[in-house]
């Protein structure tokens, strides 16, 4: 474990379990759901998703005329990328930041690598995540999956939501965003995305174009920025994923900030 510390805030990073934030503590308040004795890595902390985010239907997709089959780590689908259960290598760190990398050669048919940097400040934590193609062109997405401790209230509004089919996969059709609870992908935020606690307001910001919101559990709310929608590799939309040529990089950022409630 690597511990980061700034004025009034602490963050624990677990490189061995998916390069995730294991804890984020502001004052005495823990913002992230921690593991229980039998917790799967999918269900706690805040972890990076790459080189895809969310589900891929049946773990299958076609790219440049070839069909590919991914490991079904959440049968019947593949989910949340290839790095959230893998050990990451730490390349640099200090009291306030850490930089890590994870090779894709054993877990992704195109190879390549993922890098991330996490930096802690007194009022925010900034994260960047990048996928770099190796010798082969490939499709790519990146994102984050933070499991926030259930807030007292949430201000989460979007213009549009992807319709979710009976198999849990977006159909590609978008509709006006309905009321929650959700396990859905949204676009077009209609304001800051904020979670209210008794003493804090937490805001999540990103340059990603899609957001998956999962708030169906009593103990958690997930606010997940993604560079493309779930199952984007199988969608016809040109921006559902990013095509990387050899040596190309896809990079996105996320910031989680907090302020005292008035």
Protein backbone atom coordinates (compact mmCIF):
# COMPACT_ATOMS: atom_id res chain seq x y z
CA UNK A 1 0.00 0.00 0.00
CA UNK A 2 1.05 3.59 -0.69
CA UNK A 3 -0.32 6.34 1.54
CA UNK A 4 -0.79 9.86 0.21
CA UNK A 5 -1.42 12.77 2.55
CA UNK A 6 -2.31 16.44 2.18
CA UNK A 7 -3.72 18.91 4.69
CA UNK A 8 -6.70 17.24 6.33
CA UNK A 9 -6.98 14.39 3.81
CA UNK A 10 -5.49 10.93 3.33
CA UNK A 11 -5.64 8.44 0.47
CA UNK A 12 -4.44 4.84 0.34
CA UNK A 13 -3.40 3.40 -3.03
CA UNK A 14 -3.31 -0.37 -3.63
CA UNK A 15 -1.04 -1.12 -6.63
CA UNK A 16 -1.39 -4.89 -6.17
CA UNK A 17 -5.19 -4.92 -6.52
CA UNK A 18 -5.86 -3.08 -9.73
CA UNK A 19 -3.95 0.13 -9.03
CA UNK A 20 -6.96 1.45 -7.14
CA UNK A 21 -7.72 4.03 -4.51
CA UNK A 22 -8.55 1.84 -1.52
CA UNK A 23 -9.47 4.69 0.84
CA UNK A 24 -10.09 8.43 0.54
CA UNK A 25 -10.56 10.08 3.93
CA UNK A 26 -11.45 13.77 4.31
CA UNK A 27 -11.21 14.75 7.95
CA UNK A 28 -12.89 11.82 9.68
CA UNK A 29 -15.13 10.90 6.75
CA UNK A 30 -14.32 7.92 4.55
CA UNK A 31 -15.69 8.57 1.05
CA UNK A 32 -15.09 5.15 -0.54
CA UNK A 33 -16.64 1.76 0.15
CA UNK A 34 -13.99 -0.58 1.52
CA UNK A 35 -13.65 -4.35 1.08
CA UNK A 36 -15.25 -6.87 3.36
CA UNK A 37 -13.67 -10.27 3.98
CA UNK A 38 -15.01 -11.78 0.74
CA UNK A 39 -15.14 -8.67 -1.46
CA UNK A 40 -14.42 -9.11 -5.15
CA UNK A 41 -12.22 -6.32 -6.59
CA UNK A 42 -15.18 -5.18 -8.70
CA UNK A 43 -17.12 -3.89 -5.70
CA UNK A 44 -14.97 -1.50 -3.67
CA UNK A 45 -12.61 1.45 -3.72
CA UNK A 46 -12.11 3.39 -6.94
CA UNK A 47 -10.36 1.62 -9.79
CA UNK A 48 -9.29 2.41 -13.37
CA UNK A 49 -11.09 0.78 -16.29
CA UNK A 50 -9.02 0.10 -19.43
CA UNK A 51 -8.71 -0.68 -22.32
CA UNK A 52 -12.51 -0.82 -22.22
CA UNK A 53 -15.09 0.43 -19.73
CA UNK A 54 -18.32 -1.21 -18.67
CA UNK A 55 -19.65 -4.34 -20.33
CA UNK A 56 -18.83 -5.87 -23.71
CA UNK A 57 -21.70 -8.10 -24.80
CA UNK A 58 -20.67 -11.77 -24.59
CA UNK A 59 -17.07 -10.51 -24.49
CA UNK A 60 -17.08 -10.36 -28.31
CA UNK A 61 -16.40 -7.60 -30.80
CA UNK A 62 -15.12 -7.15 -34.33
CA UNK A 63 -12.26 -4.85 -35.26
CA UNK A 64 -10.68 -4.41 -38.71
CA UNK A 65 -12.46 -7.49 -40.02
CA UNK A 66 -11.40 -9.84 -37.21
CA UNK A 67 -13.53 -11.12 -34.34
CA UNK A 68 -12.12 -11.12 -30.83
CA UNK A 69 -13.20 -12.98 -27.70
CA UNK A 70 -12.43 -11.51 -24.27
CA UNK A 71 -12.38 -13.28 -20.94
CA UNK A 72 -15.90 -13.43 -19.48
CA UNK A 73 -15.05 -12.01 -16.07
CA UNK A 74 -18.74 -11.23 -15.38
CA UNK A 75 -20.60 -13.95 -17.33
CA UNK A 76 -22.13 -13.76 -19.81
CA UNK A 77 -20.19 -10.55 -20.49
CA UNK A 78 -16.73 -9.06 -20.14
CA UNK A 79 -16.72 -6.03 -17.86
CA UNK A 80 -14.63 -3.05 -16.70
CA UNK A 81 -11.45 -3.74 -18.66
CA UNK A 82 -8.39 -5.87 -18.11
CA UNK A 83 -6.48 -4.04 -15.35
CA UNK A 84 -8.70 -3.67 -12.28
CA UNK A 85 -7.66 -7.09 -10.94
CA UNK A 86 -4.03 -6.91 -12.07
CA UNK A 87 -0.93 -5.77 -10.17
CA UNK A 88 0.47 -2.40 -11.22
CA UNK A 89 4.11 -1.32 -11.15
CA UNK A 90 4.90 1.91 -9.31
CA UNK A 91 7.25 4.13 -11.32
CA UNK A 92 7.33 7.17 -9.04
CA UNK A 93 5.70 8.45 -5.85
CA UNK A 94 5.94 11.04 -3.11
CA UNK A 95 3.86 12.09 -0.13
CA UNK A 96 1.18 13.49 -2.45
CA UNK A 97 1.32 11.58 -5.77
CA UNK A 98 1.89 8.18 -7.32
CA UNK A 99 2.52 7.09 -10.94
CA UNK A 100 1.89 3.50 -12.03
CA UNK A 101 1.77 1.30 -15.12
CA UNK A 102 0.25 -2.01 -16.15
CA UNK A 103 1.15 -3.99 -19.27
CA UNK A 104 -1.65 -5.41 -21.39
CA UNK A 105 0.25 -8.11 -23.25
CA UNK A 106 -1.22 -10.99 -21.18
CA UNK A 107 -4.79 -9.70 -20.93
CA UNK A 108 -5.66 -7.95 -24.19
CA UNK A 109 -5.25 -9.33 -27.73
CA UNK A 110 -3.60 -6.15 -29.02
CA UNK A 111 -1.01 -5.65 -26.28
CA UNK A 112 -0.13 -2.13 -25.25
CA UNK A 113 0.08 -0.57 -21.80
CA UNK A 114 -1.92 1.51 -19.34
CA UNK A 115 -0.46 4.28 -17.16
CA UNK A 116 -2.01 6.43 -14.47
CA UNK A 117 -1.10 9.25 -12.12
CA UNK A 118 -2.93 10.12 -8.90
CA UNK A 119 -2.19 13.39 -7.08
CA UNK A 120 -3.74 14.49 -3.78
CA UNK A 121 -4.43 18.08 -2.69
CA UNK A 122 -6.16 19.51 0.36
CA UNK A 123 -9.42 20.06 -1.56
CA UNK A 124 -9.30 17.48 -4.37
CA UNK A 125 -7.66 14.44 -5.91
CA UNK A 126 -6.68 14.51 -9.59
CA UNK A 127 -6.36 11.34 -11.66
CA UNK A 128 -5.15 10.80 -15.22
CA UNK A 129 -5.38 7.52 -17.11
CA UNK A 130 -3.88 6.63 -20.48
CA UNK A 131 -3.81 3.65 -22.85
CA UNK A 132 -0.95 3.41 -25.35
CA UNK A 133 -1.10 1.12 -28.38
CA UNK A 134 1.92 -1.05 -29.12
CA UNK A 135 2.56 -2.54 -32.58
CA UNK A 136 -1.10 -3.10 -33.48
CA UNK A 137 -4.00 -0.75 -34.11
CA UNK A 138 -6.74 -1.29 -31.55
CA UNK A 139 -10.00 0.04 -30.12
CA UNK A 140 -9.81 1.66 -26.70
CA UNK A 141 -11.82 3.22 -23.90
CA UNK A 142 -10.82 4.37 -20.42
CA UNK A 143 -12.74 5.28 -17.29
CA UNK A 144 -13.00 5.06 -13.51
CA UNK A 145 -15.30 3.18 -11.17
CA UNK A 146 -15.48 4.96 -7.78
CA UNK A 147 -17.68 3.31 -5.15
CA UNK A 148 -18.76 6.27 -3.02
CA UNK A 149 -20.23 5.62 0.40
CA UNK A 150 -23.96 6.27 0.05
CA UNK A 151 -24.58 10.03 0.29
CA UNK A 152 -27.51 11.69 2.03
CA UNK A 153 -28.52 13.19 -1.30
CA UNK A 154 -27.20 13.47 -4.86
CA UNK A 155 -27.45 16.15 -7.54
CA UNK A 156 -27.00 14.09 -10.71
CA UNK A 157 -28.86 15.31 -13.78
CA UNK A 158 -28.32 14.50 -17.46
CA UNK A 159 -30.02 15.34 -20.71
CA UNK A 160 -29.91 11.85 -22.23
CA UNK A 161 -29.62 8.19 -21.25
CA UNK A 162 -28.75 5.13 -23.32
CA UNK A 163 -31.64 2.65 -23.38
CA UNK A 164 -30.57 -0.52 -21.56
CA UNK A 165 -31.72 -3.85 -22.96
CA UNK A 166 -32.88 -6.86 -20.95
CA UNK A 167 -29.30 -8.18 -20.98
CA UNK A 168 -28.03 -5.02 -19.22
CA UNK A 169 -26.33 -3.74 -22.40
CA UNK A 170 -27.11 -0.33 -23.97
CA UNK A 171 -28.97 -0.69 -27.26
CA UNK A 172 -27.44 2.45 -28.78
CA UNK A 173 -30.73 4.37 -28.62
CA UNK A 174 -30.83 7.44 -26.35
CA UNK A 175 -33.87 8.85 -24.55
CA UNK A 176 -34.55 11.68 -22.14
CA UNK A 177 -33.10 10.73 -18.75
CA UNK A 178 -35.80 9.24 -16.47
CA UNK A 179 -35.80 9.35 -12.66
CA UNK A 180 -33.60 6.83 -10.81
CA UNK A 181 -32.58 4.51 -9.36
CA UNK A 182 -30.16 3.67 -12.17
CA UNK A 183 -27.66 1.24 -13.54
CA UNK A 184 -27.34 3.19 -16.77
CA UNK A 185 -25.11 5.26 -19.04
CA UNK A 186 -25.78 8.97 -19.52
CA UNK A 187 -24.51 11.87 -21.62
CA UNK A 188 -24.95 15.65 -21.43
CA UNK A 189 -24.62 16.54 -17.71
CA UNK A 190 -27.01 19.37 -16.81
CA UNK A 191 -24.82 20.76 -14.07
CA UNK A 192 -22.12 19.71 -11.60
CA UNK A 193 -22.37 16.10 -10.42
CA UNK A 194 -22.41 16.33 -6.62
CA UNK A 195 -22.96 14.07 -3.62
CA UNK A 196 -24.13 15.56 -0.31
CA UNK A 197 -22.94 14.26 3.06
CA UNK A 198 -23.68 15.74 6.48
CA UNK A 199 -20.44 17.72 6.48
CA UNK A 200 -19.19 17.67 2.88
CA UNK A 201 -20.22 18.24 -0.72
CA UNK A 202 -18.28 15.99 -3.11
CA UNK A 203 -18.04 16.84 -6.81
CA UNK A 204 -16.92 14.53 -9.64
CA UNK A 205 -15.59 16.08 -12.86
CA UNK A 206 -14.05 14.55 -15.99
CA UNK A 207 -13.29 15.17 -19.64
CA UNK A 208 -14.96 11.84 -20.45
CA UNK A 209 -18.11 12.04 -22.56
CA UNK A 210 -20.14 9.29 -20.88
CA UNK A 211 -21.19 8.65 -17.30
CA UNK A 212 -22.48 5.41 -15.80
CA UNK A 213 -24.51 5.91 -12.63
CA UNK A 214 -25.18 2.94 -10.36
CA UNK A 215 -27.17 3.77 -7.23
CA UNK A 216 -29.25 0.63 -6.70
CA UNK A 217 -27.38 -0.53 -3.60
CA UNK A 218 -28.14 0.78 -0.12
CA UNK A 219 -24.48 1.30 0.79
CA UNK A 220 -23.05 2.96 -2.31
CA UNK A 221 -23.45 5.29 -5.27
CA UNK A 222 -21.13 4.90 -8.26
CA UNK A 223 -20.44 7.89 -10.51
CA UNK A 224 -18.31 6.50 -13.34
CA UNK A 225 -16.82 8.70 -16.07
CA UNK A 226 -16.04 6.76 -19.26
CA UNK A 227 -14.61 7.83 -22.61
CA UNK A 228 -17.30 5.76 -24.36
CA UNK A 229 -20.46 3.86 -23.47
CA UNK A 230 -20.63 0.24 -22.32
CA UNK A 231 -20.44 -2.13 -25.31
CA UNK A 232 -19.06 0.75 -27.35
CA UNK A 233 -16.85 -1.59 -29.38
CA UNK A 234 -20.06 -3.04 -30.89
CA UNK A 235 -21.79 0.28 -31.58
CA UNK A 236 -21.82 2.06 -34.93
CA UNK A 237 -21.31 5.53 -33.45
CA UNK A 238 -17.91 6.95 -34.35
CA UNK A 239 -17.28 8.26 -30.83
CA UNK A 240 -18.30 5.08 -28.95
CA UNK A 241 -14.61 4.17 -28.76
CA UNK A 242 -11.26 5.56 -29.87
CA UNK A 243 -9.24 3.91 -32.61
CA UNK A 244 -5.56 3.90 -31.72
CA UNK A 245 -2.91 3.38 -34.35
CA UNK A 246 0.46 1.95 -33.24
CA UNK A 247 1.99 4.34 -30.72
CA UNK A 248 -1.19 6.39 -30.26
CA UNK A 249 -2.40 7.34 -26.79
CA UNK A 250 -5.90 7.76 -25.36
CA UNK A 251 -5.86 9.83 -22.16
CA UNK A 252 -8.60 11.18 -19.91
CA UNK A 253 -8.77 12.82 -16.47
CA UNK A 254 -11.04 12.73 -13.44
CA UNK A 255 -11.11 15.09 -10.44
CA UNK A 256 -12.91 14.40 -7.18
CA UNK A 257 -13.17 17.55 -5.06
CA UNK A 258 -14.81 18.40 -1.76
CA UNK A 259 -15.91 21.40 0.24
CA UNK A 260 -17.45 21.92 3.64
CA UNK A 261 -21.21 22.31 3.64
CA UNK A 262 -22.39 25.81 4.38
